[in-house]
Amino acid sequence: MNRRHLDLLLVGLLLLVGAAGNAAEDPAAAAAAAMEAAGVPMYPGAVYVVGDVETGMRIAAGDDPQTVRTWYRENLPEWSVYHNEEIEIWTLYDGPEGLTGYGDIMVLNNISIGENENLPAWHALKDNMTTEITMALPRVGPAKAGGPMLLIPGSDGRSDAAEEVEGALYQAEDMQTDRGGYYYLQDEQYMEHTVAFETDLPTEIVRKLDSISQTYEKVRIVGVVLTNENEGTSRFDRTWDIEIFVEE
């Protein structure tokens, strides 16, 4: 796919999500709030133009792309860079280094920065506002140092009886009770521990579980584990907090 095709695709996406965003009271305020929650700063002097924080919003800046890229790298030092010179894509993303599949990157918090000379004409901006910052924040928030990447809150908070289980996080369809998709942890002994069903979770939690399961080979989950040895089943008790940590 060449740069022109990518531009046309992005324009269509942003117009679509922008139309949906117009229904909100203040899309720019919602964008600012989401950026603050995710720990992502707004480039100085840049302006929100259109779009949705989860599927992609467009921001315009007056400085050249390289200056904007350097600024974001300095302000988000733990993020990784994907750079494809052939199709002129430069993306900073909140995930491990070395990802090459753009689909894997798009489920993470990500920022793409490039030149788009059409921005002033499209959005009635000043002539120098030709650096395009395309930002999507599908995750619930950033991973805090030493803290969980994701917390699935329980009604009773964190339990003193919580234990740790390590393994790979997967998604599957429930064929026995027809409850739909669910997430489970497979430990090193290949025991499966059900984490939660999609229908019981808010959309933003589902998105982050998708992101974590597709990106990381190993996670550590802290929660109350209920095991029925007679039936050979195990699950995390949703009454209590479930914390997911990434094992790099």
Protein backbone atom coordinates (compact mmCIF):
# COMPACT_ATOMS: atom_id res chain seq x y z
CA MET A 1 0.00 0.00 0.00
CA ASN A 2 1.57 3.33 -0.99
CA ARG A 3 1.47 6.61 0.91
CA ARG A 4 -1.37 8.02 -1.21
CA HIS A 5 -3.57 5.01 -0.49
CA LEU A 6 -2.74 5.31 3.22
CA ASP A 7 -3.67 9.00 3.17
CA LEU A 8 -7.00 8.31 1.49
CA LEU A 9 -7.74 5.50 3.94
CA LEU A 10 -6.87 7.71 6.89
CA VAL A 11 -8.99 10.59 5.59
CA GLY A 12 -11.99 8.30 5.25
CA LEU A 13 -11.47 6.87 8.72
CA LEU A 14 -11.09 10.26 10.35
CA LEU A 15 -14.11 11.71 8.58
CA LEU A 16 -16.14 8.74 9.74
CA VAL A 17 -15.04 8.88 13.36
CA GLY A 18 -15.15 12.65 13.26
CA ALA A 19 -18.81 12.55 12.34
CA ALA A 20 -19.46 10.25 15.24
CA GLY A 21 -17.38 12.48 17.51
CA ASN A 22 -19.50 15.51 16.63
CA ALA A 23 -22.29 13.96 18.62
CA ALA A 24 -20.24 14.45 21.77
CA GLU A 25 -20.43 17.74 23.62
CA ASP A 26 -16.74 18.55 23.14
CA PRO A 27 -14.54 16.04 21.23
CA ALA A 28 -11.42 18.14 21.85
CA ALA A 29 -12.00 18.08 25.61
CA ALA A 30 -12.59 14.33 25.51
CA ALA A 31 -9.34 13.92 23.58
CA ALA A 32 -7.42 16.01 26.12
CA ALA A 33 -8.85 13.99 29.01
CA ALA A 34 -7.93 10.68 27.36
CA MET A 35 -4.40 11.89 26.63
CA GLU A 36 -3.95 12.92 30.27
CA ALA A 37 -5.23 9.53 31.48
CA ALA A 38 -2.84 7.72 29.13
CA GLY A 39 0.12 9.90 30.11
CA VAL A 40 0.51 11.25 26.56
CA PRO A 41 1.31 14.97 26.21
CA MET A 42 0.04 17.33 23.53
CA TYR A 43 2.81 18.79 21.39
CA PRO A 44 3.26 22.51 22.20
CA GLY A 45 1.25 24.67 19.81
CA ALA A 46 -0.50 21.68 18.20
CA VAL A 47 -4.26 21.66 17.75
CA TYR A 48 -6.81 18.84 17.81
CA VAL A 49 -8.62 18.68 14.46
CA VAL A 50 -10.91 15.66 14.24
CA GLY A 51 -11.29 12.03 15.24
CA ASP A 52 -11.73 9.66 18.15
CA VAL A 53 -9.09 8.79 20.76
CA GLU A 54 -9.62 5.04 20.42
CA THR A 55 -9.72 4.63 16.66
CA GLY A 56 -7.59 7.61 15.64
CA MET A 57 -7.59 11.38 15.95
CA ARG A 58 -5.81 13.96 13.83
CA ILE A 59 -3.70 16.70 15.39
CA ALA A 60 -1.88 19.42 13.43
CA ALA A 61 1.43 21.06 14.35
CA GLY A 62 3.44 23.93 12.86
CA ASP A 63 6.96 22.53 13.40
CA ASP A 64 8.57 20.11 10.96
CA PRO A 65 7.90 16.36 11.43
CA GLN A 66 11.42 15.53 12.63
CA THR A 67 11.22 18.13 15.40
CA VAL A 68 7.86 16.76 16.53
CA ARG A 69 9.14 13.18 16.41
CA THR A 70 12.17 14.05 18.52
CA TRP A 71 9.98 15.82 21.08
CA TYR A 72 7.67 12.82 21.47
CA ARG A 73 10.60 10.41 21.74
CA GLU A 74 12.04 12.52 24.55
CA ASN A 75 8.69 12.75 26.35
CA LEU A 76 7.78 9.07 25.91
CA PRO A 77 11.19 7.39 26.31
CA GLU A 78 9.74 3.97 27.19
CA TRP A 79 7.77 3.74 23.93
CA SER A 80 9.16 2.00 20.82
CA VAL A 81 9.53 3.20 17.22
CA TYR A 82 8.29 1.60 14.02
CA HIS A 83 9.75 3.20 10.88
CA ASN A 84 9.01 2.10 7.33
CA GLU A 85 10.76 4.41 4.88
CA GLU A 86 9.25 2.70 1.84
CA ILE A 87 5.71 3.82 2.69
CA GLU A 88 6.84 6.81 4.79
CA ILE A 89 5.43 5.71 8.12
CA TRP A 90 6.96 6.71 11.46
CA THR A 91 5.05 5.48 14.50
CA LEU A 92 5.79 5.64 18.21
CA TYR A 93 3.94 2.95 20.18
CA ASP A 94 3.53 1.79 23.78
CA GLY A 95 4.82 -1.75 23.42
CA PRO A 96 7.93 -3.90 23.06
CA GLU A 97 10.56 -3.11 20.43
CA GLY A 98 10.68 -5.03 17.19
CA LEU A 99 7.01 -5.25 16.23
CA THR A 100 6.71 -5.35 12.43
CA GLY A 101 3.01 -6.09 11.95
CA TYR A 102 1.13 -2.81 11.76
CA GLY A 103 -2.03 -4.53 12.97
CA ASP A 104 -0.20 -5.49 16.19
CA ILE A 105 0.88 -1.88 16.67
CA MET A 106 -2.55 -0.38 16.06
CA VAL A 107 -4.08 -2.14 19.09
CA LEU A 108 -1.52 -0.34 21.27
CA ASN A 109 -1.43 3.34 22.20
CA ASN A 110 0.34 4.83 19.19
CA ILE A 111 1.34 8.11 17.56
CA SER A 112 2.19 8.48 13.87
CA ILE A 113 3.89 11.67 12.68
CA GLY A 114 4.41 12.83 9.11
CA GLU A 115 3.99 15.60 6.57
CA ASN A 116 0.55 16.41 5.13
CA GLU A 117 0.45 19.58 3.05
CA ASN A 118 -3.34 19.31 2.74
CA LEU A 119 -4.08 19.95 6.41
CA PRO A 120 -4.44 23.76 6.15
CA ALA A 121 -6.92 23.49 3.27
CA TRP A 122 -8.85 20.60 4.75
CA HIS A 123 -9.28 22.11 8.21
CA ALA A 124 -8.94 25.90 7.77
CA LEU A 125 -5.59 26.01 9.58
CA LYS A 126 -2.61 28.32 9.29
CA ASP A 127 -0.41 27.62 6.27
CA ASN A 128 2.46 26.27 8.41
CA MET A 129 0.29 23.62 10.14
CA THR A 130 1.35 20.80 7.83
CA THR A 131 2.75 18.26 10.29
CA GLU A 132 0.15 15.58 10.93
CA ILE A 133 0.05 13.78 14.28
CA THR A 134 -2.27 10.79 14.09
CA MET A 135 -2.88 9.46 17.58
CA ALA A 136 -4.88 6.49 18.82
CA LEU A 137 -5.19 5.51 22.50
CA PRO A 138 -7.14 2.21 22.57
CA ARG A 139 -5.62 1.11 25.87
CA VAL A 140 -7.10 2.00 29.22
CA GLY A 141 -3.93 3.77 30.27
CA PRO A 142 -0.17 3.41 30.54
CA ALA A 143 1.63 0.77 32.56
CA LYS A 144 2.78 2.44 35.76
CA ALA A 145 6.28 1.61 36.98
CA GLY A 146 5.95 -1.40 39.24
CA GLY A 147 2.17 -1.46 38.82
CA PRO A 148 -0.19 -3.59 36.74
CA MET A 149 -0.69 -2.90 33.06
CA LEU A 150 -4.35 -3.65 33.58
CA LEU A 151 -6.65 -3.82 36.58
CA ILE A 152 -10.00 -5.57 36.27
CA PRO A 153 -11.74 -4.21 39.36
CA GLY A 154 -13.75 -6.45 41.64
CA SER A 155 -16.55 -5.33 43.91
CA ASP A 156 -14.50 -6.14 47.03
CA GLY A 157 -11.10 -4.75 45.98
CA ARG A 158 -7.84 -6.65 46.34
CA SER A 159 -7.92 -9.76 48.52
CA ASP A 160 -5.29 -10.87 51.02
CA ALA A 161 -5.82 -14.35 49.57
CA ALA A 162 -4.69 -13.27 46.09
CA GLU A 163 -2.03 -15.41 44.46
CA GLU A 164 0.17 -15.06 41.38
CA VAL A 165 -0.10 -17.18 38.25
CA GLU A 166 2.23 -16.81 35.26
CA GLY A 167 1.64 -17.86 31.68
CA ALA A 168 0.27 -16.79 28.32
CA LEU A 169 -2.97 -14.85 27.92
CA TYR A 170 -5.36 -16.16 25.26
CA GLN A 171 -8.85 -15.47 23.93
CA ALA A 172 -11.33 -18.21 23.01
CA GLU A 173 -15.02 -18.86 22.39
CA ASP A 174 -17.06 -20.67 25.05
CA MET A 175 -18.64 -23.69 23.37
CA GLN A 176 -20.21 -25.26 26.47
CA THR A 177 -22.41 -22.52 27.90
CA ASP A 178 -22.56 -20.31 24.79
CA ARG A 179 -21.43 -17.21 26.68
CA GLY A 180 -19.27 -15.99 23.82
CA GLY A 181 -15.65 -14.90 23.95
CA TYR A 182 -13.54 -15.14 27.08
CA TYR A 183 -9.93 -14.71 28.17
CA TYR A 184 -7.85 -17.31 29.96
CA LEU A 185 -4.34 -17.75 31.26
CA GLN A 186 -2.46 -20.92 30.35
CA ASP A 187 0.24 -21.63 32.93
CA GLU A 188 3.47 -23.56 32.45
CA GLN A 189 1.68 -26.84 33.29
CA TYR A 190 -0.86 -26.07 30.53
CA MET A 191 -3.61 -25.54 33.08
CA GLU A 192 -6.17 -23.00 31.87
CA HIS A 193 -7.44 -20.34 34.28
CA THR A 194 -10.46 -18.36 33.08
CA VAL A 195 -9.93 -14.64 33.61
CA ALA A 196 -13.17 -13.05 32.40
CA PHE A 197 -15.89 -13.18 29.73
CA GLU A 198 -16.06 -10.32 27.22
CA THR A 199 -19.76 -9.72 27.91
CA ASP A 200 -18.97 -9.01 31.57
CA LEU A 201 -16.38 -6.33 30.78
CA PRO A 202 -16.52 -2.73 29.58
CA THR A 203 -15.29 -2.17 26.03
CA GLU A 204 -12.09 -0.39 27.08
CA ILE A 205 -11.05 -3.37 29.24
CA VAL A 206 -11.71 -5.77 26.34
CA ARG A 207 -9.54 -3.63 24.05
CA LYS A 208 -6.66 -3.69 26.48
CA LEU A 209 -6.94 -7.44 27.05
CA ASP A 210 -6.78 -7.86 23.27
CA SER A 211 -3.73 -5.63 23.15
CA ILE A 212 -1.91 -7.50 25.90
CA SER A 213 -2.75 -10.98 24.57
CA GLN A 214 -1.55 -10.11 21.06
CA THR A 215 1.63 -8.37 22.16
CA TYR A 216 3.17 -10.20 25.11
CA GLU A 217 4.17 -13.85 25.33
CA LYS A 218 4.01 -14.01 29.10
CA VAL A 219 2.01 -12.24 31.79
CA ARG A 220 1.60 -12.52 35.55
CA ILE A 221 -1.91 -12.33 36.96
CA VAL A 222 -2.63 -11.60 40.62
CA GLY A 223 -6.07 -12.53 41.93
CA VAL A 224 -8.12 -15.06 43.84
CA VAL A 225 -8.03 -18.41 42.02
CA LEU A 226 -10.92 -20.85 42.39
CA THR A 227 -10.02 -24.39 41.34
CA ASN A 228 -12.32 -27.40 41.06
CA GLU A 229 -10.00 -30.39 40.85
CA ASN A 230 -12.88 -32.82 40.30
CA GLU A 231 -14.00 -30.97 37.20
CA GLY A 232 -10.50 -29.92 36.19
CA THR A 233 -11.45 -26.23 35.99
CA SER A 234 -9.88 -23.07 37.34
CA ARG A 235 -10.93 -19.43 37.23
CA PHE A 236 -10.16 -16.07 38.76
CA ASP A 237 -12.85 -14.87 41.15
CA ARG A 238 -14.30 -11.66 39.66
CA THR A 239 -15.49 -10.62 43.13
CA TRP A 240 -11.92 -9.50 43.78
CA ASP A 241 -9.48 -7.33 41.81
CA ILE A 242 -7.58 -9.04 39.00
CA GLU A 243 -4.24 -7.41 38.21
CA ILE A 244 -2.29 -8.19 35.06
CA PHE A 245 1.45 -7.54 34.92
CA VAL A 246 3.60 -7.97 31.82
CA GLU A 247 6.64 -10.21 32.12
CA GLU A 248 9.22 -8.81 29.66
